[in-house]
Structure formats: structure tokens, C-alpha cells
C-alpha atoms as a PDB file:
ATOM      1  CA  MET A   1     143.419 212.866  23.412  1.00  0.00           C
ATOM      2  CA  GLY A   2     143.029 209.238  24.417  1.00  0.00           C
ATOM      3  CA  GLY A   3     144.590 206.304  22.649  1.00  0.00           C
ATOM      4  CA  PHE A   4     143.315 203.847  20.107  1.00  0.00           C
ATOM      5  CA  SER A   5     140.113 202.082  21.101  1.00  0.00           C
ATOM      6  CA  PRO A   6     139.477 198.609  19.606  1.00  0.00           C
ATOM      7  CA  ALA A   7     135.799 198.991  20.511  1.00  0.00           C
ATOM      8  CA  ASN A   8     135.501 202.061  18.271  1.00  0.00           C
ATOM      9  CA  PRO A   9     138.494 202.202  15.912  1.00  0.00           C
ATOM     10  CA  ARG A  10     137.157 205.158  13.911  1.00  0.00           C
ATOM     11  CA  LYS A  11     136.725 207.348  16.995  1.00  0.00           C
ATOM     12  CA  SER A  12     140.349 207.562  18.056  1.00  0.00           C
ATOM     13  CA  CYS A  13     142.251 205.608  15.449  1.00  0.00           C
ATOM     14  CA  PRO A  14     145.836 206.748  14.852  1.00  0.00           C
ATOM     15  CA  TRP A  15     145.848 208.053  11.286  1.00  0.00           C
ATOM     16  CA  LEU A  16     148.725 206.697   9.274  1.00  0.00           C
ATOM     17  CA  ASN A  17     148.007 208.769   6.173  1.00  0.00           C
ATOM     18  CA  GLY A  18     145.249 210.844   4.627  1.00  0.00           C
ATOM     19  CA  ILE A  19     143.207 207.893   3.396  1.00  0.00           C
ATOM     20  CA  SER A  20     143.746 204.945   5.691  1.00  0.00           C
ATOM     21  CA  CYS A  21     143.268 204.299   9.338  1.00  0.00           C
ATOM     22  CA  THR A  22     144.468 201.060  10.836  1.00  0.00           C
ATOM     23  CA  ASP A  23     144.928 199.415  14.169  1.00  0.00           C
ATOM     24  CA  MET A  24     147.824 197.282  15.300  1.00  0.00           C
ATOM     25  CA  THR A  25     146.124 194.031  14.186  1.00  0.00           C
ATOM     26  CA  THR A  26     146.138 194.896  10.473  1.00  0.00           C
ATOM     27  CA  ASN A  27     148.773 192.899   8.615  1.00  0.00           C
ATOM     28  CA  ARG A  28     151.123 195.029   6.523  1.00  0.00           C
ATOM     29  CA  ALA A  29     152.335 194.267   3.010  1.00  0.00           C
ATOM     30  CA  SER A  30     155.666 196.037   2.612  1.00  0.00           C
ATOM     31  CA  ILE A  31     157.465 193.853   0.066  1.00  0.00           C
ATOM     32  CA  HIS A  32     156.508 193.831  -3.634  1.00  0.00           C
ATOM     33  CA  ARG A  33     157.951 191.384  -6.155  1.00  0.00           C
ATOM     34  CA  PRO A  34     157.223 191.380  -9.911  1.00  0.00           C
ATOM     35  CA  ALA A  35     155.452 188.416 -11.510  1.00  0.00           C
ATOM     36  CA  GLY A  36     157.839 185.473 -11.857  1.00  0.00           C
ATOM     37  CA  LEU A  37     160.200 186.741  -9.145  1.00  0.00           C
ATOM     38  CA  TRP A  38     158.364 185.461  -6.069  1.00  0.00           C
ATOM     39  CA  PRO A  39     157.188 181.987  -4.937  1.00  0.00           C
ATOM     40  CA  GLU A  40     153.682 182.086  -6.443  1.00  0.00           C
ATOM     41  CA  GLU A  41     152.967 178.559  -5.201  1.00  0.00           C
ATOM     42  CA  LYS A  42     153.162 179.984  -1.651  1.00  0.00           C
ATOM     43  CA  ALA A  43     150.332 182.488  -2.181  1.00  0.00           C
ATOM     44  CA  THR A  44     147.741 182.163   0.570  1.00  0.00           C
ATOM     45  CA  GLY A  45     145.430 184.828  -0.794  1.00  0.00           C
ATOM     46  CA  ALA A  46     144.851 187.369  -3.520  1.00  0.00           C
ATOM     47  CA  LEU A  47     144.123 191.034  -4.033  1.00  0.00           C
ATOM     48  CA  THR A  48     141.961 191.767  -7.078  1.00  0.00           C
ATOM     49  CA  LEU A  49     142.399 195.448  -7.873  1.00  0.00           C
ATOM     50  CA  ASP A  50     141.583 197.854 -10.699  1.00  0.00           C
ATOM     51  CA  PHE A  51     144.378 199.822 -12.356  1.00  0.00           C
ATOM     52  CA  ASP A  52     144.224 202.782  -9.967  1.00  0.00           C
ATOM     53  CA  ALA A  53     144.314 200.570  -6.876  1.00  0.00           C
ATOM     54  CA  ARG A  54     147.298 198.670  -8.329  1.00  0.00           C
ATOM     55  CA  HIS A  55     149.354 201.890  -8.488  1.00  0.00           C
ATOM     56  CA  ARG A  56     149.803 202.806  -4.855  1.00  0.00           C
ATOM     57  CA  ARG A  57     152.344 203.155  -2.105  1.00  0.00           C
ATOM     58  CA  ARG A  58     150.177 203.135   0.982  1.00  0.00           C
ATOM     59  CA  ILE A  59     146.502 202.250   1.319  1.00  0.00           C
ATOM     60  CA  ARG A  60     144.250 199.982   3.331  1.00  0.00           C
ATOM     61  CA  LEU A  61     142.924 197.110   1.208  1.00  0.00           C
ATOM     62  CA  THR A  62     140.791 194.025   1.699  1.00  0.00           C
ATOM     63  CA  THR A  63     141.952 190.731   0.214  1.00  0.00           C
ATOM     64  CA  ASP A  64     139.647 188.538  -1.845  1.00  0.00           C
ATOM     65  CA  GLN A  65     139.437 186.374   1.295  1.00  0.00           C
ATOM     66  CA  GLY A  66     138.156 189.298   3.419  1.00  0.00           C
ATOM     67  CA  GLU A  67     141.341 190.125   5.373  1.00  0.00           C
ATOM     68  CA  ASP A  68     142.252 193.788   5.863  1.00  0.00           C
ATOM     69  CA  VAL A  69     145.843 194.605   4.954  1.00  0.00           C
ATOM     70  CA  LEU A  70     147.803 197.818   4.871  1.00  0.00           C
ATOM     71  CA  LEU A  71     149.832 198.236   1.702  1.00  0.00           C
ATOM     72  CA  ASN A  72     152.916 200.019   2.980  1.00  0.00           C
ATOM     73  CA  LEU A  73     155.560 200.071   0.236  1.00  0.00           C
ATOM     74  CA  PRO A  74     158.691 202.253   0.266  1.00  0.00           C
ATOM     75  CA  LYS A  75     157.549 203.889  -2.996  1.00  0.00           C
ATOM     76  CA  ALA A  76     154.538 203.747  -5.311  1.00  0.00           C
ATOM     77  CA  VAL A  77     154.558 200.753  -7.641  1.00  0.00           C
ATOM     78  CA  ALA A  78     152.315 200.092 -10.641  1.00  0.00           C
ATOM     79  CA  MET A  79     151.561 196.447  -9.900  1.00  0.00           C
ATOM     80  CA  VAL A  80     150.517 194.079 -12.661  1.00  0.00           C
ATOM     81  CA  GLU A  81     148.672 190.774 -12.851  1.00  0.00           C
ATOM     82  CA  GLY A  82     150.747 188.073 -11.156  1.00  0.00           C
ATOM     83  CA  ASP A  83     152.882 190.316  -8.939  1.00  0.00           C
ATOM     84  CA  GLY A  84     153.350 189.253  -5.326  1.00  0.00           C
ATOM     85  CA  LEU A  85     153.061 191.103  -2.029  1.00  0.00           C
ATOM     86  CA  GLN A  86     154.625 189.676   1.099  1.00  0.00           C
ATOM     87  CA  LEU A  87     152.907 190.311   4.405  1.00  0.00           C
ATOM     88  CA  GLU A  88     154.855 190.924   7.600  1.00  0.00           C
ATOM     89  CA  ASP A  89     153.853 187.434   8.805  1.00  0.00           C
ATOM     90  CA  ARG A  90     155.745 186.085   5.719  1.00  0.00           C
ATOM     91  CA  ARG A  91     152.604 185.019   3.792  1.00  0.00           C
ATOM     92  CA  TRP A  92     152.281 186.000   0.117  1.00  0.00           C
ATOM     93  CA  LEU A  93     149.356 187.579  -1.728  1.00  0.00           C
ATOM     94  CA  LYS A  94     148.955 187.374  -5.489  1.00  0.00           C
ATOM     95  CA  VAL A  95     147.960 190.586  -7.267  1.00  0.00           C
ATOM     96  CA  GLN A  96     145.165 190.136  -9.798  1.00  0.00           C
ATOM     97  CA  ALA A  97     143.907 192.736 -12.273  1.00  0.00           C
ATOM     98  CA  ALA A  98     140.183 193.390 -11.876  1.00  0.00           C
ATOM     99  CA  PRO A  99     138.020 193.816 -14.952  1.00  0.00           C
ATOM    100  CA  GLU A 100     136.931 197.426 -15.380  1.00  0.00           C
ATOM    101  CA  PRO A 101     135.195 199.436 -18.119  1.00  0.00           C
ATOM    102  CA  VAL A 102     137.577 200.042 -21.022  1.00  0.00           C
ATOM    103  CA  VAL A 103     137.178 201.040 -24.640  1.00  0.00           C
ATOM    104  CA  GLU A 104     138.765 198.788 -27.235  1.00  0.00           C
ATOM    105  CA  VAL A 105     140.057 200.783 -30.179  1.00  0.00           C
ATOM    106  CA  ARG A 106     140.446 198.910 -33.464  1.00  0.00           C
ATOM    107  CA  HIS A 107     141.072 199.703 -37.122  1.00  0.00           C
ATOM    108  CA  LYS A 108     141.218 197.263 -40.034  1.00  0.00           C
ATOM    109  CA  ASP A 109     144.370 198.978 -41.347  1.00  0.00           C
ATOM    110  CA  PRO A 110     147.388 198.398 -39.030  1.00  0.00           C
ATOM    111  CA  ASN A 111     148.957 201.661 -40.234  1.00  0.00           C
ATOM    112  CA  GLN A 112     145.855 203.574 -39.176  1.00  0.00           C
ATOM    113  CA  LEU A 113     145.843 201.779 -35.810  1.00  0.00           C
ATOM    114  CA  ALA A 114     149.441 202.989 -35.318  1.00  0.00           C
ATOM    115  CA  ARG A 115     148.252 206.503 -36.193  1.00  0.00           C
ATOM    116  CA  LEU A 116     145.479 206.217 -33.580  1.00  0.00           C
ATOM    117  CA  ALA A 117     148.073 205.092 -31.020  1.00  0.00           C
ATOM    118  CA  TRP A 118     150.149 208.165 -31.876  1.00  0.00           C
ATOM    119  CA  HIS A 119     147.155 210.445 -31.248  1.00  0.00           C
ATOM    120  CA  LEU A 120     146.519 208.793 -27.860  1.00  0.00           C
ATOM    121  CA  GLY A 121     150.186 209.066 -26.899  1.00  0.00           C
ATOM    122  CA  ASN A 122     150.310 212.680 -28.039  1.00  0.00           C
ATOM    123  CA  ARG A 123     147.583 213.354 -25.456  1.00  0.00           C
ATOM    124  CA  HIS A 124     149.504 211.436 -22.743  1.00  0.00           C
ATOM    125  CA  LEU A 125     146.500 209.134 -22.384  1.00  0.00           C
ATOM    126  CA  PRO A 126     147.153 205.844 -20.566  1.00  0.00           C
ATOM    127  CA  THR A 127     146.871 203.240 -23.334  1.00  0.00           C
ATOM    128  CA  GLU A 128     147.203 199.485 -23.321  1.00  0.00           C
ATOM    129  CA  ILE A 129     148.656 198.119 -26.548  1.00  0.00           C
ATOM    130  CA  GLY A 130     147.525 194.652 -27.587  1.00  0.00           C
ATOM    131  CA  ASN A 131     147.539 192.538 -30.709  1.00  0.00           C
ATOM    132  CA  GLN A 132     145.626 194.697 -33.226  1.00  0.00           C
ATOM    133  CA  VAL A 133     143.816 196.540 -30.423  1.00  0.00           C
ATOM    134  CA  LEU A 134     144.360 199.511 -28.133  1.00  0.00           C
ATOM    135  CA  ARG A 135     142.557 199.898 -24.815  1.00  0.00           C
ATOM    136  CA  ILE A 136     141.776 203.167 -23.067  1.00  0.00           C
ATOM    137  CA  ARG A 137     139.516 204.284 -20.273  1.00  0.00           C
ATOM    138  CA  PRO A 138     136.146 205.679 -21.318  1.00  0.00           C
ATOM    139  CA  ASP A 139     136.347 209.353 -22.293  1.00  0.00           C
ATOM    140  CA  HIS A 140     133.645 210.705 -24.607  1.00  0.00           C
ATOM    141  CA  VAL A 141     135.871 213.498 -25.989  1.00  0.00           C
ATOM    142  CA  ILE A 142     138.668 211.076 -26.902  1.00  0.00           C
ATOM    143  CA  GLU A 143     136.155 208.544 -28.219  1.00  0.00           C
ATOM    144  CA  ASP A 144     134.647 211.199 -30.528  1.00  0.00           C
ATOM    145  CA  MET A 145     138.136 212.076 -31.790  1.00  0.00           C
ATOM    146  CA  LEU A 146     138.921 208.393 -32.456  1.00  0.00           C
ATOM    147  CA  LEU A 147     135.624 207.861 -34.287  1.00  0.00           C
ATOM    148  CA  GLY A 148     136.425 210.921 -36.409  1.00  0.00           C
ATOM    149  CA  LEU A 149     139.736 209.270 -37.308  1.00  0.00           C
ATOM    150  CA  GLY A 150     137.959 206.096 -38.467  1.00  0.00           C
ATOM    151  CA  ALA A 151     138.362 203.902 -35.375  1.00  0.00           C
ATOM    152  CA  ASP A 152     135.991 201.114 -34.425  1.00  0.00           C
ATOM    153  CA  LEU A 153     135.196 201.346 -30.686  1.00  0.00           C
ATOM    154  CA  VAL A 154     133.763 198.700 -28.373  1.00  0.00           C
ATOM    155  CA  MET A 155     133.077 199.126 -24.636  1.00  0.00           C
ATOM    156  CA  VAL A 156     134.174 196.018 -22.693  1.00  0.00           C
ATOM    157  CA  GLN A 157     134.907 194.904 -19.142  1.00  0.00           C
ATOM    158  CA  ALA A 158     138.542 193.797 -19.016  1.00  0.00           C
ATOM    159  CA  PRO A 159     141.674 194.215 -16.910  1.00  0.00           C
ATOM    160  CA  PHE A 160     143.474 197.448 -17.836  1.00  0.00           C
ATOM    161  CA  GLN A 161     147.275 197.558 -17.928  1.00  0.00           C
ATOM    162  CA  PRO A 162     148.482 200.549 -19.942  1.00  0.00           C
ATOM    163  CA  GLU A 163     152.063 200.961 -21.063  1.00  0.00           C
ATOM    164  CA  GLY A 164     154.335 202.340 -18.366  1.00  0.00           C
ATOM    165  CA  GLY A 165     155.986 205.013 -20.476  1.00  0.00           C
ATOM    166  CA  ALA A 166     159.498 205.717 -21.654  1.00  0.00           C
ATOM    167  CA  TYR A 167     160.761 206.742 -18.213  1.00  0.00           C
ATOM    168  CA  SER A 168     159.209 203.980 -16.151  1.00  0.00           C
ATOM    169  CA  GLY A 169     162.326 201.831 -15.938  1.00  0.00           C
ATOM    170  CA  HIS A 170     160.738 198.530 -16.932  1.00  0.00           C
ATOM    171  CA  GLY A 171     157.513 199.254 -18.772  1.00  0.00           C
ATOM    172  CA  HIS A 172     155.126 198.587 -15.881  1.00  0.00           C
ATOM    173  CA  SER A 173     155.451 201.426 -13.404  1.00  0.00           C
ATOM    174  CA  HIS A 174     155.845 205.155 -13.426  1.00  0.00           C
ATOM    175  CA  SER A 175     155.458 208.060 -11.096  1.00  0.00           C
ATOM    176  CA  HIS A 176     152.956 210.873 -11.436  1.00  0.00           C
ATOM    177  CA  ASP A 177     154.813 213.034  -8.928  1.00  0.00           C
ATOM    178  CA  ASP A 178     156.280 215.229 -11.665  1.00  0.00           C
ATOM    179  CA  GLY A 179     153.331 215.196 -14.015  1.00  0.00           C
ATOM    180  CA  GLY A 180     154.617 212.120 -15.851  1.00  0.00           C
ATOM    181  CA  HIS A 181     157.655 213.917 -17.298  1.00  0.00           C
ATOM    182  CA  HIS A 182     161.311 213.074 -16.830  1.00  0.00           C
ATOM    183  CA  HIS A 183     163.548 215.721 -15.309  1.00  0.00           C
ATOM    184  CA  GLU A 184     167.309 215.454 -15.055  1.00  0.00           C
END
């Protein structure tokens, strides 16, 4: 079968998982630290990622500076704005949340906004809770339901960081391995 060929890395690249192929020169990020718990002043680069890309264990990524890195964490982590990733060469990367299409859900009555939040939670829909606003991903069925319940909806481009859920441990990460439910 021939070994890895730098001249044509796709031809005989050793696959490390189902979605990424890397050669030995790709720097690996295997240490994650939450925002405020790493030396942010030592960041030499950044990774700007949407919500899905921030919730990974292993994937090949490209930094904002154009460097390929292999995210290779022991377990999947839902990273948030300001988290840090340490590369094997000891450099740090700052995680930044990329703007993405989201729907802002508002209601002039705070009690009704709480009711809308209940309906979203009842459907296990990832929801970001802000000051007098909820944010969800675009979904025409859910949007129609919210409009029927009196919500005001606005499509915006903004970073999306939904609540982590009751079983996430610290409000920022959770696993989808068991369908999002806690099992003893």
C-alpha cells in the first residue's frame, strides 16, 4: 500500500478519522482551557468557528492566520468565545465565535417570552437566552409556531451560543452521544 506521500497527501494519506486526513507536519491542538483559565495574552493566533465547528473532538481546521491544525481533544467539548487551545508546540490559539444566521425571538411581555422559551425547550431546540431575547437557528416550522404564539422574529448574523443543558456540567458543553438525555 505505500506510505504517505508529501507530494500528493490525498493519494496515500493515513486517515486519522472519517473526516480528516493529516500529515506529520500538521500541528495538533490537544489541550482545551475555558475562557479566563488560560494565558490569553500568549495567543499567537485564532480560530473563528461557527457553533457546530466549536463542538468537536477531532477535526482538521484552519486558523484565521491560514495554518492547518488538527483538533485532537480527549473528548468533545462545546467551546465558547474566548476559550483557548494549546498546540503541541506550546503556542495558544484563541477560540472566537463566528457570526452565523440566527433568528432573534422577542416579545414585549417578559412572561410571554418565558412561555416562548418553554416551547423551545420542550422541543429540545438549542436556544441562546439573552437579555429580553432568545436566539435559535432558522427553522421555518418553529418560526411559524413562534409567530402563532405572538413572537416578533428577526433574522440576524450573530455568534450563536445556546445553553448547554441541565446535564452539561457547567452550562457550556454537552454530549449528543445519548441523544442529549442523561442516563444513570
